[in-house]
Amino acid sequence: MSETKALLPAIATFAASAMLLRSIANDFIPNEFRNFFFSGLHSISRRFSSHITIVIEEFQGMSLNEVFDAVEAYLGTIEIASLQRIKVSKVTNEKKLAVAVDRGEEIVDVFEDRVQVMWKYVCTKVESSRSCNPGDLNASLRSETRSYELTFHKKHKETVLNSYLPYILERSKAIKGERKVVKLCTNDQYDCYSTQEVILNHPMTFDILAMDTELKKALLDDLNNFKNGKEFYRRIGKAWKRGYLLYGPPGTGKSSLIAAIANHLNYDIYELELTDAGSNSDLKRRLLAMPDKSIIVIEDIDCTIKLQNRESEEESCNTNRNQVTLSGLLNLIDGLWSCCTDERIIIFTTNHKDKLDPALVRPGRMDMHIHMSYCTISAFKQLAFNYHGVRNDQLFEQIEGLILEVEVTPAEVAGELMRSRDAQISLRRLIDFLLEKKTQQDHKAKTNETDLTENLEVNSLNRLDDKDLCGFFEACRKVIGVGGRQASESTEGGRECLVAVNTFGL
């Protein structure tokens, strides 16, 4: 006890002396010299060190680093009792718990019973990050930087690079396959490298999709050829991607078809909001940050943003560079940048195909145009089976006849079939609904026809010169005077005269 008391003053004196020396060094020794001195010490220590460290960052330039993604999946499967903090998560329909290393934690792994390595997860916040704002050139593109540090003995360098890391890449594929579920993802509005995702619980598959049978088969064949076409695309010298344009009125099943495609291919869906992209460069970063084996969806492309016309881009490029242009979008989906990724599906949806620039939907960009039409007979039969398990019924003939005459969407048919669990009640309600819709449709068509006829006739009168018009008016008076209004309505010339009377007050 007495020895401890005697040591305390000595320790206090040493600490005070060290602080004094540090203060003197800071005041009288230039920063450059101090930095050079400590850098030299660090360099000397590294020369005598027997270990080497590999840094694996999350991004390689603007693209995702595949090694980082693989390491993250692999380390989540290692059971280490010494870990003090781990992250565990599970969302609905995921098959297994997702385990991840928390920041700052270290994991020791042994490869082939002889190579010992140590992993450390490093996550650094980036200040003043409003991410993808192209107007702020000094802002960081990411809200944080993430990396893994792999430390091992120098003598194992070749084994780590040529065997251990390739093993992790292959192992991670099996790990992801075991717990793979389809996700719906979107980029963060302010950080184009940060992804927000949820599990896509949409149960739609091609087996139950209410769609024209022949069109469904053609699309399935095209999707399967794409998925298995890696060597084919490489042989013909084209980027491994495929574009689909889904067009048609609302309620015809465009969203359901996208879900069916995702479930069939087991690809995640990345919803791309053009309104969140401030410029072509911003849009480029967002697209490159999306992984391979993904479906990129731009919904209602005709009205999400007003794409600047190609002819006017050169005139306005000096006044406003912070905007997404049509040529910028075209280059990203079909230019050189599209070759920087593999196995991607690009889907545009629109209710008005005629409003789209032809360059946006030409082959090579949108390879297959899929018309999501009003309900067909085959689509109705599929819906009837989905909701009531009915393949055939005596009411089908009347319903099919009405479907051929009435413009009704699959969503409207499904809505009627859902109103009752009794098949007969639902089918009869559907017939009533279709009859009412047919009456409204016929009335609207008749009204439109009448308006069109009168407009055509009035336009014909407007094209007459003064002399012809006076002669026509005189003839009209004679026709109406001789035959009267009721008689005049029965002939084409009489109807023209009545139009003239009603229009010009004759």
Protein backbone atom coordinates (compact mmCIF):
# COMPACT_ATOMS: atom_id res chain seq x y z
CA MET A 1 0.00 0.00 0.00
CA SER A 2 2.87 2.35 0.89
CA GLU A 3 4.60 1.55 -2.43
CA THR A 4 1.44 2.49 -4.33
CA LYS A 5 1.22 5.80 -2.50
CA ALA A 6 4.85 6.50 -3.38
CA LEU A 7 4.22 5.77 -7.09
CA LEU A 8 1.27 8.12 -7.42
CA PRO A 9 3.29 11.37 -7.15
CA ALA A 10 5.82 10.01 -9.68
CA ILE A 11 3.04 9.14 -12.15
CA ALA A 12 1.45 12.56 -11.69
CA THR A 13 4.83 14.27 -12.27
CA PHE A 14 5.44 12.23 -15.43
CA ALA A 15 1.96 13.03 -16.79
CA ALA A 16 2.42 16.74 -16.09
CA SER A 17 5.83 16.71 -17.80
CA ALA A 18 4.38 14.92 -20.84
CA MET A 19 1.59 17.48 -21.14
CA LEU A 20 4.11 20.30 -20.83
CA LEU A 21 6.33 18.81 -23.54
CA ARG A 22 3.31 18.31 -25.79
CA SER A 23 2.27 21.94 -25.25
CA ILE A 24 5.79 23.17 -26.05
CA ALA A 25 5.94 20.97 -29.15
CA ASN A 26 2.61 22.32 -30.38
CA ASP A 27 3.71 25.91 -29.80
CA PHE A 28 7.26 25.82 -31.15
CA ILE A 29 7.50 22.90 -33.63
CA PRO A 30 5.81 23.57 -37.00
CA ASN A 31 2.92 21.31 -38.03
CA GLU A 32 4.76 20.25 -41.17
CA PHE A 33 7.71 18.96 -39.17
CA ARG A 34 5.49 17.17 -36.64
CA ASN A 35 3.45 15.54 -39.44
CA PHE A 36 6.66 14.48 -41.19
CA PHE A 37 8.04 13.04 -37.95
CA PHE A 38 4.92 11.01 -37.11
CA SER A 39 4.53 9.92 -40.73
CA GLY A 40 8.09 8.63 -40.65
CA LEU A 41 7.40 6.69 -37.45
CA HIS A 42 4.29 5.19 -39.04
CA SER A 43 6.23 4.25 -42.18
CA ILE A 44 8.96 2.57 -40.12
CA SER A 45 6.40 0.61 -38.09
CA ARG A 46 4.72 -0.55 -41.31
CA ARG A 47 8.02 -1.81 -42.72
CA PHE A 48 8.56 -3.99 -39.70
CA SER A 49 4.91 -5.12 -39.57
CA SER A 50 4.18 -8.67 -40.65
CA HIS A 51 0.53 -7.96 -41.54
CA ILE A 52 -1.26 -6.43 -44.50
CA THR A 53 -4.71 -4.81 -44.66
CA ILE A 54 -7.10 -4.83 -47.62
CA VAL A 55 -9.83 -2.17 -47.70
CA ILE A 56 -13.08 -3.18 -49.43
CA GLU A 57 -15.31 -0.16 -50.01
CA GLU A 58 -19.03 -0.30 -50.73
CA PHE A 59 -18.74 1.46 -54.08
CA GLN A 60 -16.22 1.24 -56.89
CA GLY A 61 -16.57 4.64 -58.47
CA MET A 62 -20.30 5.01 -59.12
CA SER A 63 -21.04 1.28 -59.21
CA LEU A 64 -21.73 -1.14 -56.38
CA ASN A 65 -18.73 -3.18 -55.23
CA GLU A 66 -19.71 -6.83 -55.60
CA VAL A 67 -17.06 -7.91 -53.10
CA PHE A 68 -18.49 -5.66 -50.36
CA ASP A 69 -21.97 -7.08 -50.90
CA ALA A 70 -20.62 -10.63 -50.76
CA VAL A 71 -18.61 -10.00 -47.58
CA GLU A 72 -21.65 -8.49 -45.87
CA ALA A 73 -23.71 -11.62 -46.60
CA TYR A 74 -20.87 -14.00 -45.66
CA LEU A 75 -19.97 -12.44 -42.31
CA GLY A 76 -23.59 -12.61 -41.22
CA THR A 77 -23.31 -16.42 -41.19
CA ILE A 78 -20.19 -16.68 -39.01
CA GLU A 79 -20.86 -17.51 -35.36
CA ILE A 80 -18.41 -15.54 -33.20
CA ALA A 81 -18.93 -15.61 -29.44
CA SER A 82 -16.58 -12.66 -28.90
CA LEU A 83 -18.79 -10.20 -30.78
CA GLN A 84 -20.36 -7.63 -28.48
CA ARG A 85 -22.76 -6.02 -30.99
CA ILE A 86 -24.56 -7.51 -33.99
CA LYS A 87 -27.57 -6.39 -36.02
CA VAL A 88 -30.45 -8.84 -36.48
CA SER A 89 -33.50 -8.25 -38.66
CA LYS A 90 -36.34 -10.09 -40.33
CA VAL A 91 -39.21 -8.83 -42.39
CA THR A 92 -42.42 -10.53 -43.44
CA ASN A 93 -41.97 -13.52 -45.75
CA GLU A 94 -38.18 -13.59 -45.41
CA LYS A 95 -37.07 -17.16 -44.86
CA LYS A 96 -34.29 -16.57 -42.32
CA LEU A 97 -32.97 -13.99 -39.90
CA ALA A 98 -30.59 -11.47 -41.44
CA VAL A 99 -27.52 -11.05 -39.22
CA ALA A 100 -24.99 -8.27 -39.83
CA VAL A 101 -21.91 -6.93 -38.10
CA ASP A 102 -22.33 -3.60 -36.34
CA ARG A 103 -19.91 -0.76 -36.99
CA GLY A 104 -16.54 -0.99 -35.30
CA GLU A 105 -16.84 -4.72 -34.55
CA GLU A 106 -14.05 -7.16 -35.41
CA ILE A 107 -14.44 -10.78 -36.54
CA VAL A 108 -11.72 -13.44 -36.74
CA ASP A 109 -12.16 -16.07 -39.46
CA VAL A 110 -10.06 -19.11 -40.33
CA PHE A 111 -9.79 -20.37 -43.91
CA GLU A 112 -8.68 -23.92 -44.71
CA ASP A 113 -7.66 -24.42 -41.05
CA ARG A 114 -4.44 -22.45 -41.54
CA VAL A 115 -5.14 -18.91 -42.75
CA GLN A 116 -6.35 -16.61 -39.98
CA VAL A 117 -7.83 -13.26 -40.98
CA MET A 118 -9.54 -10.43 -39.13
CA TRP A 119 -12.46 -8.41 -40.47
CA LYS A 120 -13.46 -4.95 -39.23
CA TYR A 121 -16.55 -3.03 -40.30
CA VAL A 122 -15.88 0.71 -40.70
CA CYS A 123 -18.68 3.22 -41.19
CA THR A 124 -17.96 6.95 -41.36
CA LYS A 125 -20.57 9.69 -41.44
CA VAL A 126 -20.14 12.37 -44.08
CA GLU A 127 -21.05 15.85 -42.97
CA SER A 128 -23.09 18.34 -45.01
CA SER A 129 -24.49 15.71 -47.35
CA ARG A 130 -27.59 16.71 -49.23
CA SER A 131 -26.39 13.99 -51.53
CA CYS A 132 -27.56 14.20 -55.11
CA ASN A 133 -28.23 17.93 -55.31
CA PRO A 134 -26.35 18.76 -58.50
CA GLY A 135 -26.39 22.46 -57.74
CA ASP A 136 -24.22 22.00 -54.66
CA LEU A 137 -20.87 20.98 -56.11
CA ASN A 138 -19.21 20.79 -52.68
CA ALA A 139 -21.76 18.40 -51.20
CA SER A 140 -20.84 14.77 -50.80
CA LEU A 141 -22.68 12.27 -52.93
CA ARG A 142 -23.19 9.97 -49.94
CA SER A 143 -24.42 10.47 -46.40
CA GLU A 144 -21.88 7.91 -45.12
CA THR A 145 -19.04 5.74 -46.38
CA ARG A 146 -18.93 2.05 -45.50
CA SER A 147 -16.08 -0.40 -45.89
CA TYR A 148 -14.62 -3.64 -44.56
CA GLU A 149 -10.96 -3.92 -43.54
CA LEU A 150 -9.39 -7.37 -43.97
CA THR A 151 -6.10 -7.88 -42.05
CA PHE A 152 -3.89 -10.97 -42.32
CA HIS A 153 -0.25 -12.11 -42.36
CA LYS A 154 1.72 -11.14 -45.45
CA LYS A 155 2.64 -14.73 -46.20
CA HIS A 156 -1.06 -15.51 -46.88
CA LYS A 157 -1.50 -12.75 -49.46
CA GLU A 158 -1.75 -15.06 -52.48
CA THR A 159 -4.13 -17.42 -50.70
CA VAL A 160 -6.41 -14.58 -49.60
CA LEU A 161 -6.58 -12.94 -53.03
CA ASN A 162 -6.80 -16.09 -55.16
CA SER A 163 -8.76 -18.47 -52.93
CA TYR A 164 -10.36 -16.87 -49.86
CA LEU A 165 -12.08 -13.89 -51.50
CA PRO A 166 -13.31 -15.94 -54.53
CA TYR A 167 -14.69 -18.47 -52.01
CA ILE A 168 -16.64 -15.67 -50.28
CA LEU A 169 -18.07 -14.51 -53.61
CA GLU A 170 -19.38 -17.99 -54.41
CA ARG A 171 -20.58 -18.68 -50.87
CA SER A 172 -22.54 -15.42 -50.78
CA LYS A 173 -24.57 -16.45 -53.85
CA ALA A 174 -25.85 -19.53 -52.00
CA ILE A 175 -26.55 -17.47 -48.87
CA LYS A 176 -28.59 -14.92 -50.81
CA GLY A 177 -30.46 -17.67 -52.62
CA GLU A 178 -31.52 -19.27 -49.35
CA ARG A 179 -33.14 -16.11 -48.02
CA LYS A 180 -34.03 -14.42 -51.30
CA VAL A 181 -37.36 -12.62 -51.46
CA VAL A 182 -38.44 -10.08 -54.04
CA LYS A 183 -38.08 -6.51 -52.82
CA LEU A 184 -39.48 -3.18 -53.93
CA CYS A 185 -36.76 -0.54 -53.76
CA THR A 186 -36.27 3.14 -54.38
CA ASN A 187 -33.37 5.55 -54.06
CA ASP A 188 -33.37 8.03 -51.20
CA GLN A 189 -34.45 11.45 -52.43
CA TYR A 190 -31.35 13.14 -51.00
CA ASP A 191 -28.83 10.30 -51.17
CA CYS A 192 -28.75 8.51 -54.52
CA TYR A 193 -26.45 5.82 -53.09
CA SER A 194 -28.85 4.95 -50.25
CA THR A 195 -31.68 2.51 -51.01
CA GLN A 196 -34.98 2.23 -49.20
CA GLU A 197 -36.58 -1.18 -49.62
CA VAL A 198 -39.56 -3.23 -48.51
CA ILE A 199 -40.56 -6.84 -49.13
CA LEU A 200 -42.87 -7.14 -52.14
CA ASN A 201 -45.75 -9.26 -50.88
CA HIS A 202 -47.59 -9.17 -54.19
CA PRO A 203 -48.80 -12.75 -54.87
CA MET A 204 -49.37 -12.27 -58.61
CA THR A 205 -47.89 -14.91 -60.92
CA PHE A 206 -48.31 -15.67 -64.60
CA ASP A 207 -50.44 -18.68 -63.67
CA ILE A 208 -53.23 -16.46 -62.32
CA LEU A 209 -52.57 -13.26 -64.31
CA ALA A 210 -55.72 -12.16 -66.19
CA MET A 211 -54.17 -11.47 -69.59
CA ASP A 212 -54.70 -12.51 -73.18
CA THR A 213 -53.42 -16.10 -73.43
CA GLU A 214 -51.32 -15.68 -76.57
CA LEU A 215 -49.78 -12.42 -75.37
CA LYS A 216 -48.95 -14.02 -72.00
CA LYS A 217 -47.21 -16.94 -73.69
CA ALA A 218 -45.20 -14.64 -75.97
CA LEU A 219 -44.07 -12.55 -72.99
CA LEU A 220 -43.09 -15.60 -70.93
CA ASP A 221 -41.01 -16.97 -73.80
CA ASP A 222 -39.29 -13.60 -74.19
CA LEU A 223 -38.50 -13.37 -70.46
CA ASN A 224 -37.08 -16.90 -70.33
CA ASN A 225 -34.92 -16.26 -73.39
CA PHE A 226 -33.61 -13.11 -71.74
CA LYS A 227 -32.80 -14.74 -68.41
CA ASN A 228 -30.87 -17.54 -70.10
CA GLY A 229 -29.31 -15.32 -72.74
CA LYS A 230 -25.98 -14.25 -71.22
CA GLU A 231 -23.86 -15.94 -73.88
CA PHE A 232 -26.29 -14.96 -76.63
CA TYR A 233 -26.09 -11.24 -75.82
CA ARG A 234 -22.31 -11.45 -75.55
CA ARG A 235 -22.07 -13.22 -78.90
CA ILE A 236 -24.19 -10.62 -80.75
CA GLY A 237 -22.40 -7.71 -79.03
CA LYS A 238 -25.34 -6.17 -77.18
CA ALA A 239 -25.85 -5.12 -73.58
CA TRP A 240 -27.66 -7.77 -71.55
CA LYS A 241 -30.87 -5.83 -70.98
CA ARG A 242 -34.46 -5.85 -72.17
CA GLY A 243 -37.04 -3.10 -72.43
CA TYR A 244 -40.81 -3.43 -72.15
CA LEU A 245 -43.42 -0.73 -72.79
CA LEU A 246 -46.74 -1.37 -71.02
CA TYR A 247 -49.46 0.86 -72.39
CA GLY A 248 -53.22 0.99 -72.11
CA PRO A 249 -56.02 2.61 -70.08
CA PRO A 250 -55.96 2.60 -66.26
CA GLY A 251 -57.10 -0.58 -64.55
CA THR A 252 -55.86 -2.98 -67.21
CA GLY A 253 -53.26 -4.70 -65.00
CA LYS A 254 -49.93 -2.99 -65.69
CA SER A 255 -48.82 -3.07 -62.04
CA SER A 256 -49.94 -6.68 -61.66
CA LEU A 257 -47.92 -7.65 -64.73
CA ILE A 258 -44.79 -6.01 -63.29
CA ALA A 259 -45.24 -7.99 -60.06
CA ALA A 260 -45.69 -11.20 -62.05
CA ILE A 261 -42.47 -10.52 -63.99
CA ALA A 262 -40.55 -9.89 -60.74
CA ASN A 263 -41.85 -13.07 -59.13
CA HIS A 264 -41.10 -15.10 -62.25
CA LEU A 265 -37.49 -13.88 -62.58
CA ASN A 266 -36.93 -13.45 -58.83
CA TYR A 267 -35.56 -9.94 -59.50
CA ASP A 268 -35.98 -6.95 -57.20
CA ILE A 269 -37.99 -3.99 -58.50
CA TYR A 270 -36.37 -0.55 -58.43
CA GLU A 271 -38.86 2.25 -58.86
CA LEU A 272 -37.15 5.21 -60.48
CA GLU A 273 -38.70 8.60 -59.77
CA LEU A 274 -37.55 11.01 -62.46
CA THR A 275 -38.86 13.91 -60.38
CA ASP A 276 -36.23 13.15 -57.72
CA ALA A 277 -33.37 13.31 -60.23
CA GLY A 278 -32.18 16.88 -60.60
CA SER A 279 -30.00 16.35 -63.68
CA ASN A 280 -28.71 13.81 -66.17
CA SER A 281 -25.65 13.23 -63.96
CA ASP A 282 -27.86 12.61 -60.95
CA LEU A 283 -29.97 10.15 -62.95
CA LYS A 284 -26.79 8.38 -64.09
CA ARG A 285 -25.62 7.92 -60.49
CA ARG A 286 -28.99 6.52 -59.47
CA LEU A 287 -29.06 3.98 -62.30
CA LEU A 288 -25.48 2.82 -61.76
CA ALA A 289 -26.13 2.38 -58.04
CA MET A 290 -28.83 -0.19 -58.83
CA PRO A 291 -27.54 -3.78 -58.89
CA ASP A 292 -27.69 -6.34 -61.69
CA LYS A 293 -30.62 -8.76 -61.86
CA SER A 294 -33.08 -5.96 -61.24
CA ILE A 295 -36.22 -4.50 -62.83
CA ILE A 296 -36.12 -0.73 -63.26
CA VAL A 297 -39.62 0.73 -63.50
CA ILE A 298 -40.57 4.24 -64.62
CA GLU A 299 -44.34 4.54 -64.26
CA ASP A 300 -46.46 7.02 -66.23
CA ILE A 301 -43.41 8.20 -68.11
CA ASP A 302 -45.53 10.55 -70.21
CA CYS A 303 -46.48 12.66 -67.19
CA THR A 304 -43.94 12.09 -64.37
CA ILE A 305 -41.82 14.96 -65.65
CA LYS A 306 -41.86 17.10 -68.75
CA LEU A 307 -38.85 15.74 -70.59
CA GLN A 308 -37.10 18.53 -72.42
CA ASN A 309 -37.47 18.12 -76.18
CA ARG A 310 -34.30 17.14 -78.03
CA GLU A 311 -34.56 20.02 -80.51
CA SER A 312 -34.66 22.60 -77.72
CA GLU A 313 -31.91 21.14 -75.55
CA GLU A 314 -29.06 22.98 -77.27
CA GLU A 315 -30.80 26.34 -76.88
CA SER A 316 -31.42 25.98 -73.15
CA CYS A 317 -28.32 24.08 -72.04
CA ASN A 318 -26.58 27.28 -70.99
CA THR A 319 -29.50 28.55 -68.94
CA ASN A 320 -30.45 25.51 -66.88
CA ARG A 321 -28.20 22.48 -66.56
CA ASN A 322 -30.04 21.05 -63.56
CA GLN A 323 -32.70 19.04 -65.37
CA VAL A 324 -33.28 15.61 -66.83
CA THR A 325 -33.39 15.75 -70.61
CA LEU A 326 -34.79 13.29 -73.10
CA SER A 327 -31.39 12.72 -74.72
CA GLY A 328 -29.89 12.09 -71.28
CA LEU A 329 -32.49 9.44 -70.51
CA LEU A 330 -32.02 7.84 -73.94
CA ASN A 331 -28.25 7.61 -73.50
CA LEU A 332 -28.61 5.95 -70.11
CA ILE A 333 -31.05 3.25 -71.22
CA ASP A 334 -29.47 2.53 -74.60
CA GLY A 335 -26.10 4.31 -74.79
CA LEU A 336 -22.62 3.37 -73.63
CA TRP A 337 -23.63 3.70 -69.96
CA SER A 338 -26.20 0.93 -70.39
CA CYS A 339 -23.31 -1.50 -71.04
CA CYS A 340 -21.93 -0.95 -67.53
CA THR A 341 -24.51 -3.30 -65.98
CA ASP A 342 -25.90 -6.75 -66.79
CA GLU A 343 -29.20 -8.61 -66.62
CA ARG A 344 -31.54 -5.67 -66.30
CA ILE A 345 -35.17 -5.26 -67.25
CA ILE A 346 -36.37 -1.71 -68.00
CA ILE A 347 -40.13 -1.10 -67.95
CA PHE A 348 -41.98 2.05 -68.96
CA THR A 349 -45.71 2.38 -68.32
CA THR A 350 -48.08 4.89 -69.86
CA ASN A 351 -51.78 5.45 -70.43
CA HIS A 352 -51.06 7.43 -73.60
CA LYS A 353 -48.56 5.80 -75.93
CA ASP A 354 -49.19 8.43 -78.60
CA LYS A 355 -47.71 11.14 -76.34
CA LEU A 356 -44.28 9.48 -76.16
CA ASP A 357 -41.36 10.52 -78.34
CA PRO A 358 -40.79 7.81 -81.00
CA ALA A 359 -37.09 7.72 -80.08
CA LEU A 360 -38.00 6.64 -76.55
CA VAL A 361 -39.94 3.53 -77.59
CA ARG A 362 -38.06 2.31 -80.66
CA PRO A 363 -36.66 -1.26 -80.77
CA GLY A 364 -33.45 -1.52 -78.78
CA ARG A 365 -34.90 0.69 -76.06
CA MET A 366 -38.39 -0.72 -75.65
CA ASP A 367 -38.00 -4.12 -77.31
CA MET A 368 -41.54 -5.33 -76.71
CA HIS A 369 -44.67 -3.18 -76.70
CA ILE A 370 -47.38 -4.81 -74.60
CA HIS A 371 -50.88 -3.46 -75.04
CA MET A 372 -52.76 -3.86 -71.77
CA SER A 373 -56.20 -3.81 -73.36
CA TYR A 374 -59.73 -3.90 -72.03
CA CYS A 375 -60.87 -7.24 -70.65
CA THR A 376 -60.82 -10.12 -73.14
CA ILE A 377 -62.68 -13.42 -72.97
CA SER A 378 -59.57 -15.32 -71.89
CA ALA A 379 -58.85 -12.71 -69.19
CA PHE A 380 -62.45 -12.99 -67.90
CA LYS A 381 -62.21 -16.79 -67.69
CA GLN A 382 -58.99 -16.50 -65.71
CA LEU A 383 -60.60 -14.00 -63.31
CA ALA A 384 -63.65 -16.23 -62.87
CA PHE A 385 -61.42 -19.15 -61.99
CA ASN A 386 -59.24 -17.03 -59.66
CA TYR A 387 -62.18 -15.69 -57.65
CA HIS A 388 -64.66 -18.57 -57.74
CA GLY A 389 -62.84 -21.62 -59.10
CA VAL A 390 -65.27 -21.75 -62.04
CA ARG A 391 -64.01 -22.97 -65.42
CA ASN A 392 -67.35 -22.89 -67.21
CA ASP A 393 -70.94 -21.84 -66.49
CA GLN A 394 -74.19 -21.35 -68.37
CA LEU A 395 -73.87 -17.59 -67.83
CA PHE A 396 -70.47 -17.43 -69.54
CA GLU A 397 -71.95 -17.19 -73.05
CA GLN A 398 -73.91 -14.03 -72.26
CA ILE A 399 -70.97 -12.48 -70.38
CA GLU A 400 -68.55 -13.23 -73.21
CA GLY A 401 -70.90 -11.65 -75.73
CA LEU A 402 -71.14 -8.49 -73.66
CA ILE A 403 -67.35 -8.34 -73.15
CA LEU A 404 -66.92 -8.30 -76.94
CA GLU A 405 -69.22 -5.26 -77.13
CA VAL A 406 -68.33 -3.31 -73.99
CA GLU A 407 -65.07 -1.60 -73.05
CA VAL A 408 -64.54 -2.87 -69.51
CA THR A 409 -61.23 -3.18 -67.68
CA PRO A 410 -60.08 -6.34 -65.86
CA ALA A 411 -60.11 -4.29 -62.65
CA GLU A 412 -63.83 -3.54 -63.12
CA VAL A 413 -64.63 -7.20 -63.81
CA ALA A 414 -62.61 -8.26 -60.76
CA GLY A 415 -64.45 -5.71 -58.63
CA GLU A 416 -67.81 -7.24 -59.56
CA LEU A 417 -66.59 -10.79 -59.01
CA MET A 418 -65.38 -9.87 -55.52
CA ARG A 419 -68.73 -8.57 -54.34
CA SER A 420 -69.97 -12.03 -53.35
CA ARG A 421 -68.44 -15.39 -52.50
CA ASP A 422 -71.33 -17.06 -54.36
CA ALA A 423 -70.34 -17.62 -58.00
CA GLN A 424 -73.90 -17.35 -59.41
CA ILE A 425 -74.61 -14.09 -57.59
CA SER A 426 -71.31 -12.58 -58.75
CA LEU A 427 -71.81 -13.63 -62.37
CA ARG A 428 -75.35 -12.22 -62.48
CA ARG A 429 -74.17 -8.95 -60.94
CA LEU A 430 -71.44 -8.83 -63.55
CA ILE A 431 -74.07 -9.24 -66.30
CA ASP A 432 -76.12 -6.37 -64.86
CA PHE A 433 -72.99 -4.25 -64.65
CA LEU A 434 -72.06 -4.98 -68.27
CA LEU A 435 -75.61 -4.26 -69.52
CA GLU A 436 -75.64 -0.92 -67.73
CA LYS A 437 -72.21 -0.10 -69.11
CA LYS A 438 -73.36 -1.06 -72.62
CA THR A 439 -76.36 1.28 -72.35
CA GLN A 440 -74.10 4.15 -71.25
CA GLN A 441 -71.61 3.35 -73.97
CA ASP A 442 -74.29 3.26 -76.71
CA HIS A 443 -75.78 6.55 -75.53
CA LYS A 444 -72.36 8.19 -75.49
CA ALA A 445 -71.55 6.86 -78.94
CA LYS A 446 -74.84 8.17 -80.35
CA THR A 447 -74.27 11.59 -78.81
CA ASN A 448 -70.75 11.75 -80.18
CA GLU A 449 -71.95 10.70 -83.63
CA THR A 450 -74.61 13.41 -83.66
CA ASP A 451 -72.15 16.07 -82.57
CA LEU A 452 -69.64 14.92 -85.18
CA THR A 453 -72.22 14.98 -87.99
CA GLU A 454 -73.40 18.46 -87.11
CA ASN A 455 -69.83 19.75 -86.85
CA LEU A 456 -68.98 18.31 -90.27
CA GLU A 457 -72.08 19.87 -91.81
CA VAL A 458 -71.46 23.27 -90.22
CA ASN A 459 -67.84 23.17 -91.37
CA SER A 460 -69.04 22.45 -94.91
CA LEU A 461 -71.23 25.58 -94.77
CA ASN A 462 -68.36 27.67 -93.48
CA ARG A 463 -66.26 26.74 -96.53
CA LEU A 464 -68.83 28.19 -98.99
CA ASP A 465 -68.20 31.64 -100.51
CA ASP A 466 -70.84 34.43 -100.36
CA LYS A 467 -72.46 33.62 -103.71
CA ASP A 468 -72.77 29.91 -103.03
CA LEU A 469 -74.01 30.60 -99.50
CA CYS A 470 -76.84 32.85 -100.72
CA GLY A 471 -77.88 30.19 -103.21
CA PHE A 472 -77.81 27.53 -100.53
CA PHE A 473 -79.94 29.61 -98.16
CA GLU A 474 -82.53 30.19 -100.89
CA ALA A 475 -82.68 26.47 -101.60
CA CYS A 476 -83.12 25.77 -97.89
CA ARG A 477 -86.13 28.10 -97.70
CA LYS A 478 -87.79 26.31 -100.60
CA VAL A 479 -87.12 22.85 -99.17
CA ILE A 480 -88.46 23.69 -95.74
CA GLY A 481 -91.32 25.72 -97.13
CA VAL A 482 -92.51 22.90 -99.37
CA GLY A 483 -91.95 19.87 -97.15
CA GLY A 484 -91.97 21.32 -93.66
CA ARG A 485 -89.54 20.42 -90.89
CA GLN A 486 -90.68 16.84 -90.35
CA ALA A 487 -90.46 15.99 -94.05
CA SER A 488 -87.10 17.70 -94.38
CA GLU A 489 -85.58 15.55 -91.61
CA SER A 490 -86.11 12.39 -93.70
CA THR A 491 -83.66 13.36 -96.46
CA GLU A 492 -79.98 14.19 -96.41
CA GLY A 493 -80.51 17.55 -98.15
CA GLY A 494 -83.34 18.38 -95.81
CA ARG A 495 -81.17 17.66 -92.76
CA GLU A 496 -78.50 20.03 -94.13
CA CYS A 497 -81.12 22.72 -94.54
CA LEU A 498 -82.32 22.27 -90.96
CA VAL A 499 -78.73 22.53 -89.71
CA ALA A 500 -78.40 25.81 -91.63
CA VAL A 501 -81.64 27.09 -90.14
CA ASN A 502 -80.61 26.19 -86.59
CA THR A 503 -77.10 27.54 -87.02
CA PHE A 504 -77.75 30.81 -88.84
CA GLY A 505 -81.31 31.57 -87.67
CA LEU A 506 -82.89 31.40 -91.16
